[in-house]
Amino acid sequence: MEWIKLSGILIILLGFYFRLDTLAVVLVAAVTTALVSGLSFTECLSLLGEAFISNRMVTLFLLTLPMIGICERYGLKQQAVTLIERIKKLTPGKFMTLYMFIRELAGLFSVRVQGHTQFIRPLVNPMTQAAASKVHGKLSEEDEEYIKARVSATENYGNFFAQNTFVASAGVLLIVGTFDSLGYNVSAVDIAKASMPIAIITLFMVAASNMWYDRQMAKKYASSNSKGGQQ
């Protein structure tokens, strides 16, 4: 009857299928798995409490969400858009390249900008949209969604390819530990040095892609405006 211990997986699958509350589904699955495995209800609660305390840093992420909502409510997004609108000749591609440079520079010094939820959505995406609207006028819904995707991709590129340029980052230490276990003598500085060229190449590739994107947008909206003028 060992298979009954897998009942928690079934509960999670059914809960997700019927679109029930995620937190409640996971909690019920955890309690059910503990009880059918022979643990008492008290022991189950004790394990949940210990897991929560040992991973409490993860829950700090949730505390940033109300703060972001309050900042947006009181004009953070609008102020960011206004700032971009005041800068002349700033295209969406140039702004994304600038953000890519800042993102990689932050990774070099292990400064975390907190990623998509806390930084891209409330700040970087609206600023990029504002730069595009300033240059090309009103954007189509398709282009707005595409800019969201490009900005998110820029964040991913900057985070992924520059995170190991800091010698004490978790990724560098993991790589060093793995090599040591396999008998290879490498240092954290060696890994960081090897990561530098990759980060620089990625920056130039993203910059080239953004230049191409600016040209495509310019052609698209130039033709659209000319057609509109003829009509």
Protein backbone atom coordinates (compact mmCIF):
# COMPACT_ATOMS: atom_id res chain seq x y z
CA MET A 1 0.00 0.00 0.00
CA GLU A 2 2.97 2.31 -0.45
CA TRP A 3 1.23 3.87 -3.43
CA ILE A 4 -1.31 5.56 -1.15
CA LYS A 5 1.46 7.91 -0.03
CA LEU A 6 1.27 9.42 -3.53
CA SER A 7 -2.31 10.58 -2.93
CA GLY A 8 -1.03 14.11 -2.41
CA ILE A 9 0.03 14.26 -6.06
CA LEU A 10 -3.48 13.25 -7.13
CA ILE A 11 -4.98 15.96 -4.94
CA ILE A 12 -2.71 18.59 -6.52
CA LEU A 13 -3.57 17.43 -10.04
CA LEU A 14 -7.30 17.49 -9.34
CA GLY A 15 -7.06 20.86 -7.60
CA PHE A 16 -5.23 22.44 -10.52
CA TYR A 17 -7.59 20.81 -13.02
CA PHE A 18 -10.67 22.25 -11.30
CA ARG A 19 -8.86 25.57 -10.75
CA LEU A 20 -9.24 25.56 -6.99
CA ASP A 21 -7.29 27.84 -4.67
CA THR A 22 -3.62 26.91 -5.12
CA LEU A 23 -2.53 27.50 -1.53
CA ALA A 24 -5.44 25.48 -0.14
CA VAL A 25 -4.81 22.62 -2.56
CA VAL A 26 -1.11 22.39 -1.69
CA LEU A 27 -1.85 22.57 2.04
CA VAL A 28 -4.50 19.83 1.85
CA ALA A 29 -2.16 17.67 -0.24
CA ALA A 30 0.66 18.12 2.29
CA VAL A 31 -1.53 17.26 5.28
CA THR A 32 -3.06 14.26 3.50
CA THR A 33 0.34 12.89 2.50
CA ALA A 34 1.62 13.27 6.06
CA LEU A 35 -1.40 11.53 7.61
CA VAL A 36 -1.41 8.54 5.24
CA SER A 37 2.34 8.19 5.81
CA GLY A 38 1.79 7.57 9.51
CA LEU A 39 2.48 11.01 10.96
CA SER A 40 0.13 12.49 13.51
CA PHE A 41 -1.63 15.78 12.89
CA THR A 42 0.61 17.48 15.46
CA GLU A 43 3.77 16.17 13.78
CA CYS A 44 2.43 17.35 10.43
CA LEU A 45 1.89 20.88 11.74
CA SER A 46 5.34 20.82 13.30
CA LEU A 47 6.94 19.92 9.96
CA LEU A 48 5.00 22.65 8.17
CA GLY A 49 6.10 25.19 10.77
CA GLU A 50 9.74 24.16 10.53
CA ALA A 51 9.62 24.36 6.72
CA PHE A 52 8.06 27.82 6.90
CA ILE A 53 10.69 29.11 9.34
CA SER A 54 13.62 27.64 7.40
CA ASN A 55 12.33 29.15 4.13
CA ARG A 56 10.88 32.39 5.49
CA MET A 57 13.09 34.46 3.18
CA VAL A 58 10.94 33.24 0.30
CA THR A 59 7.85 34.77 1.87
CA LEU A 60 9.54 38.20 1.94
CA PHE A 61 8.89 38.28 -1.82
CA LEU A 62 5.17 38.60 -1.05
CA LEU A 63 5.77 41.70 1.07
CA THR A 64 7.07 43.60 -1.97
CA LEU A 65 3.83 43.16 -3.93
CA PRO A 66 1.62 45.50 -1.82
CA MET A 67 4.41 48.09 -1.85
CA ILE A 68 4.58 47.95 -5.65
CA GLY A 69 0.81 48.31 -5.86
CA ILE A 70 0.88 51.37 -3.59
CA CYS A 71 3.68 52.95 -5.64
CA GLU A 72 1.73 52.39 -8.86
CA ARG A 73 -1.42 53.76 -7.25
CA TYR A 74 0.32 56.99 -6.34
CA GLY A 75 1.95 57.65 -9.68
CA LEU A 76 5.23 55.71 -9.93
CA LYS A 77 4.33 54.42 -13.40
CA GLN A 78 3.17 57.84 -14.62
CA GLN A 79 6.32 59.56 -13.37
CA ALA A 80 8.47 56.98 -15.16
CA VAL A 81 6.53 57.55 -18.39
CA THR A 82 6.85 61.33 -18.01
CA LEU A 83 10.61 61.03 -17.55
CA ILE A 84 10.98 59.02 -20.77
CA GLU A 85 8.79 61.44 -22.73
CA ARG A 86 11.15 64.28 -21.82
CA ILE A 87 14.19 62.53 -23.30
CA LYS A 88 14.61 63.33 -26.98
CA LYS A 89 15.54 60.74 -29.62
CA LEU A 90 15.10 57.83 -27.22
CA THR A 91 13.73 54.81 -29.06
CA PRO A 92 12.43 51.63 -27.42
CA GLY A 93 15.42 49.70 -28.72
CA LYS A 94 17.90 52.18 -27.25
CA PHE A 95 16.14 52.10 -23.90
CA MET A 96 16.14 48.30 -23.80
CA THR A 97 19.84 48.28 -24.65
CA LEU A 98 20.46 50.78 -21.86
CA TYR A 99 18.53 48.59 -19.44
CA MET A 100 20.50 45.54 -20.58
CA PHE A 101 23.75 47.38 -19.80
CA ILE A 102 22.47 48.45 -16.38
CA ARG A 103 21.23 44.92 -15.68
CA GLU A 104 24.59 43.36 -16.49
CA LEU A 105 26.44 46.03 -14.52
CA ALA A 106 24.18 45.30 -11.56
CA GLY A 107 24.95 41.60 -11.91
CA LEU A 108 28.68 42.35 -11.90
CA PHE A 109 28.33 43.99 -8.47
CA SER A 110 25.67 41.54 -7.27
CA VAL A 111 22.98 44.22 -7.08
CA ARG A 112 19.57 42.59 -7.46
CA VAL A 113 16.83 44.61 -9.18
CA GLN A 114 14.26 41.93 -8.30
CA GLY A 115 13.19 40.96 -11.81
CA HIS A 116 9.89 41.01 -13.65
CA THR A 117 7.31 41.54 -10.93
CA GLN A 118 9.00 44.28 -8.93
CA PHE A 119 10.90 46.12 -11.67
CA ILE A 120 9.95 45.17 -15.23
CA ARG A 121 6.18 45.42 -14.95
CA PRO A 122 5.86 48.67 -12.96
CA LEU A 123 8.85 50.56 -14.41
CA VAL A 124 10.81 49.22 -17.37
CA ASN A 125 7.88 48.11 -19.52
CA PRO A 126 5.91 51.39 -19.17
CA MET A 127 9.07 53.38 -19.90
CA THR A 128 9.76 51.32 -23.03
CA GLN A 129 6.13 51.67 -24.15
CA ALA A 130 6.38 55.44 -23.61
CA ALA A 131 9.56 55.63 -25.70
CA ALA A 132 7.84 53.74 -28.51
CA SER A 133 4.70 55.89 -28.35
CA LYS A 134 6.78 59.07 -28.35
CA VAL A 135 8.57 58.04 -31.55
CA HIS A 136 5.82 56.20 -33.45
CA GLY A 137 2.57 57.53 -32.02
CA LYS A 138 -0.20 55.24 -30.84
CA LEU A 139 0.91 51.61 -30.90
CA SER A 140 -1.15 48.64 -31.96
CA GLU A 141 -2.10 46.09 -29.33
CA GLU A 142 0.15 43.56 -31.05
CA ASP A 143 3.18 45.86 -30.76
CA GLU A 144 2.40 46.63 -27.12
CA GLU A 145 2.39 42.92 -26.31
CA TYR A 146 5.56 42.36 -28.33
CA ILE A 147 7.35 45.11 -26.41
CA LYS A 148 6.32 43.44 -23.17
CA ALA A 149 7.88 40.22 -24.44
CA ARG A 150 11.11 41.92 -25.55
CA VAL A 151 11.51 43.75 -22.24
CA SER A 152 10.97 40.52 -20.32
CA ALA A 153 13.47 38.75 -22.56
CA THR A 154 16.01 41.54 -21.95
CA GLU A 155 15.66 41.00 -18.21
CA ASN A 156 16.20 37.26 -18.69
CA TYR A 157 19.29 37.80 -20.84
CA GLY A 158 20.84 40.25 -18.41
CA ASN A 159 20.14 38.09 -15.39
CA PHE A 160 21.18 34.77 -16.92
CA PHE A 161 24.36 35.76 -18.74
CA ALA A 162 25.71 38.24 -16.18
CA GLN A 163 24.90 36.58 -12.87
CA ASN A 164 28.16 34.61 -12.83
CA THR A 165 30.34 37.67 -13.41
CA PHE A 166 30.25 38.26 -9.64
CA VAL A 167 32.82 36.01 -7.98
CA ALA A 168 30.70 35.27 -4.91
CA SER A 169 27.40 34.56 -6.66
CA ALA A 170 25.58 31.33 -5.90
CA GLY A 171 26.05 30.10 -9.47
CA VAL A 172 29.81 30.61 -9.38
CA LEU A 173 30.14 28.83 -6.04
CA LEU A 174 28.02 25.95 -7.32
CA ILE A 175 30.20 25.57 -10.42
CA VAL A 176 33.39 25.69 -8.34
CA GLY A 177 32.01 23.08 -5.95
CA THR A 178 30.99 20.82 -8.83
CA PHE A 179 34.41 21.05 -10.47
CA ASP A 180 36.14 20.39 -7.15
CA SER A 181 34.07 17.25 -6.63
CA LEU A 182 35.14 16.05 -10.08
CA GLY A 183 38.81 16.70 -9.38
CA TYR A 184 39.26 19.94 -11.35
CA ASN A 185 41.10 22.75 -9.60
CA VAL A 186 39.32 25.99 -10.50
CA SER A 187 38.67 29.15 -8.50
CA ALA A 188 35.70 31.49 -8.36
CA VAL A 189 37.80 34.16 -10.09
CA ASP A 190 38.41 31.78 -13.02
CA ILE A 191 34.67 31.20 -13.45
CA ALA A 192 33.91 34.92 -13.24
CA LYS A 193 36.60 35.71 -15.84
CA ALA A 194 35.20 33.07 -18.17
CA SER A 195 31.71 34.55 -17.75
CA MET A 196 32.80 38.09 -18.67
CA PRO A 197 33.19 37.54 -22.44
CA ILE A 198 29.81 35.81 -22.59
CA ALA A 199 28.12 38.74 -20.86
CA ILE A 200 29.79 41.23 -23.22
CA ILE A 201 28.90 39.22 -26.33
CA THR A 202 25.31 38.96 -25.12
CA LEU A 203 25.16 42.73 -24.60
CA PHE A 204 26.32 43.39 -28.18
CA MET A 205 23.91 40.81 -29.60
CA VAL A 206 20.99 42.33 -27.70
CA ALA A 207 22.04 45.81 -28.83
CA ALA A 208 22.15 44.66 -32.47
CA SER A 209 18.75 43.01 -32.12
CA ASN A 210 17.30 46.20 -30.62
CA MET A 211 18.74 48.31 -33.46
CA TRP A 212 17.08 45.98 -35.96
CA TYR A 213 13.83 46.21 -34.00
CA ASP A 214 13.92 50.02 -34.08
CA ARG A 215 14.36 49.98 -37.85
CA GLN A 216 11.49 47.52 -38.30
CA MET A 217 9.22 49.66 -36.14
CA ALA A 218 10.23 52.81 -38.02
CA LYS A 219 9.42 51.18 -41.38
CA LYS A 220 6.12 49.80 -40.13
CA TYR A 221 4.79 53.04 -38.71
CA ALA A 222 6.20 55.17 -41.52
CA SER A 223 4.23 53.10 -44.03
CA SER A 224 1.15 53.16 -41.79
CA ASN A 225 1.31 56.94 -41.46
CA SER A 226 1.79 57.41 -45.21
CA LYS A 227 -1.23 55.21 -45.95
CA GLY A 228 -3.27 57.12 -43.40
CA GLY A 229 -2.22 60.42 -44.95
CA GLN A 230 -3.22 59.29 -48.46
CA GLN A 231 -6.65 58.24 -47.27
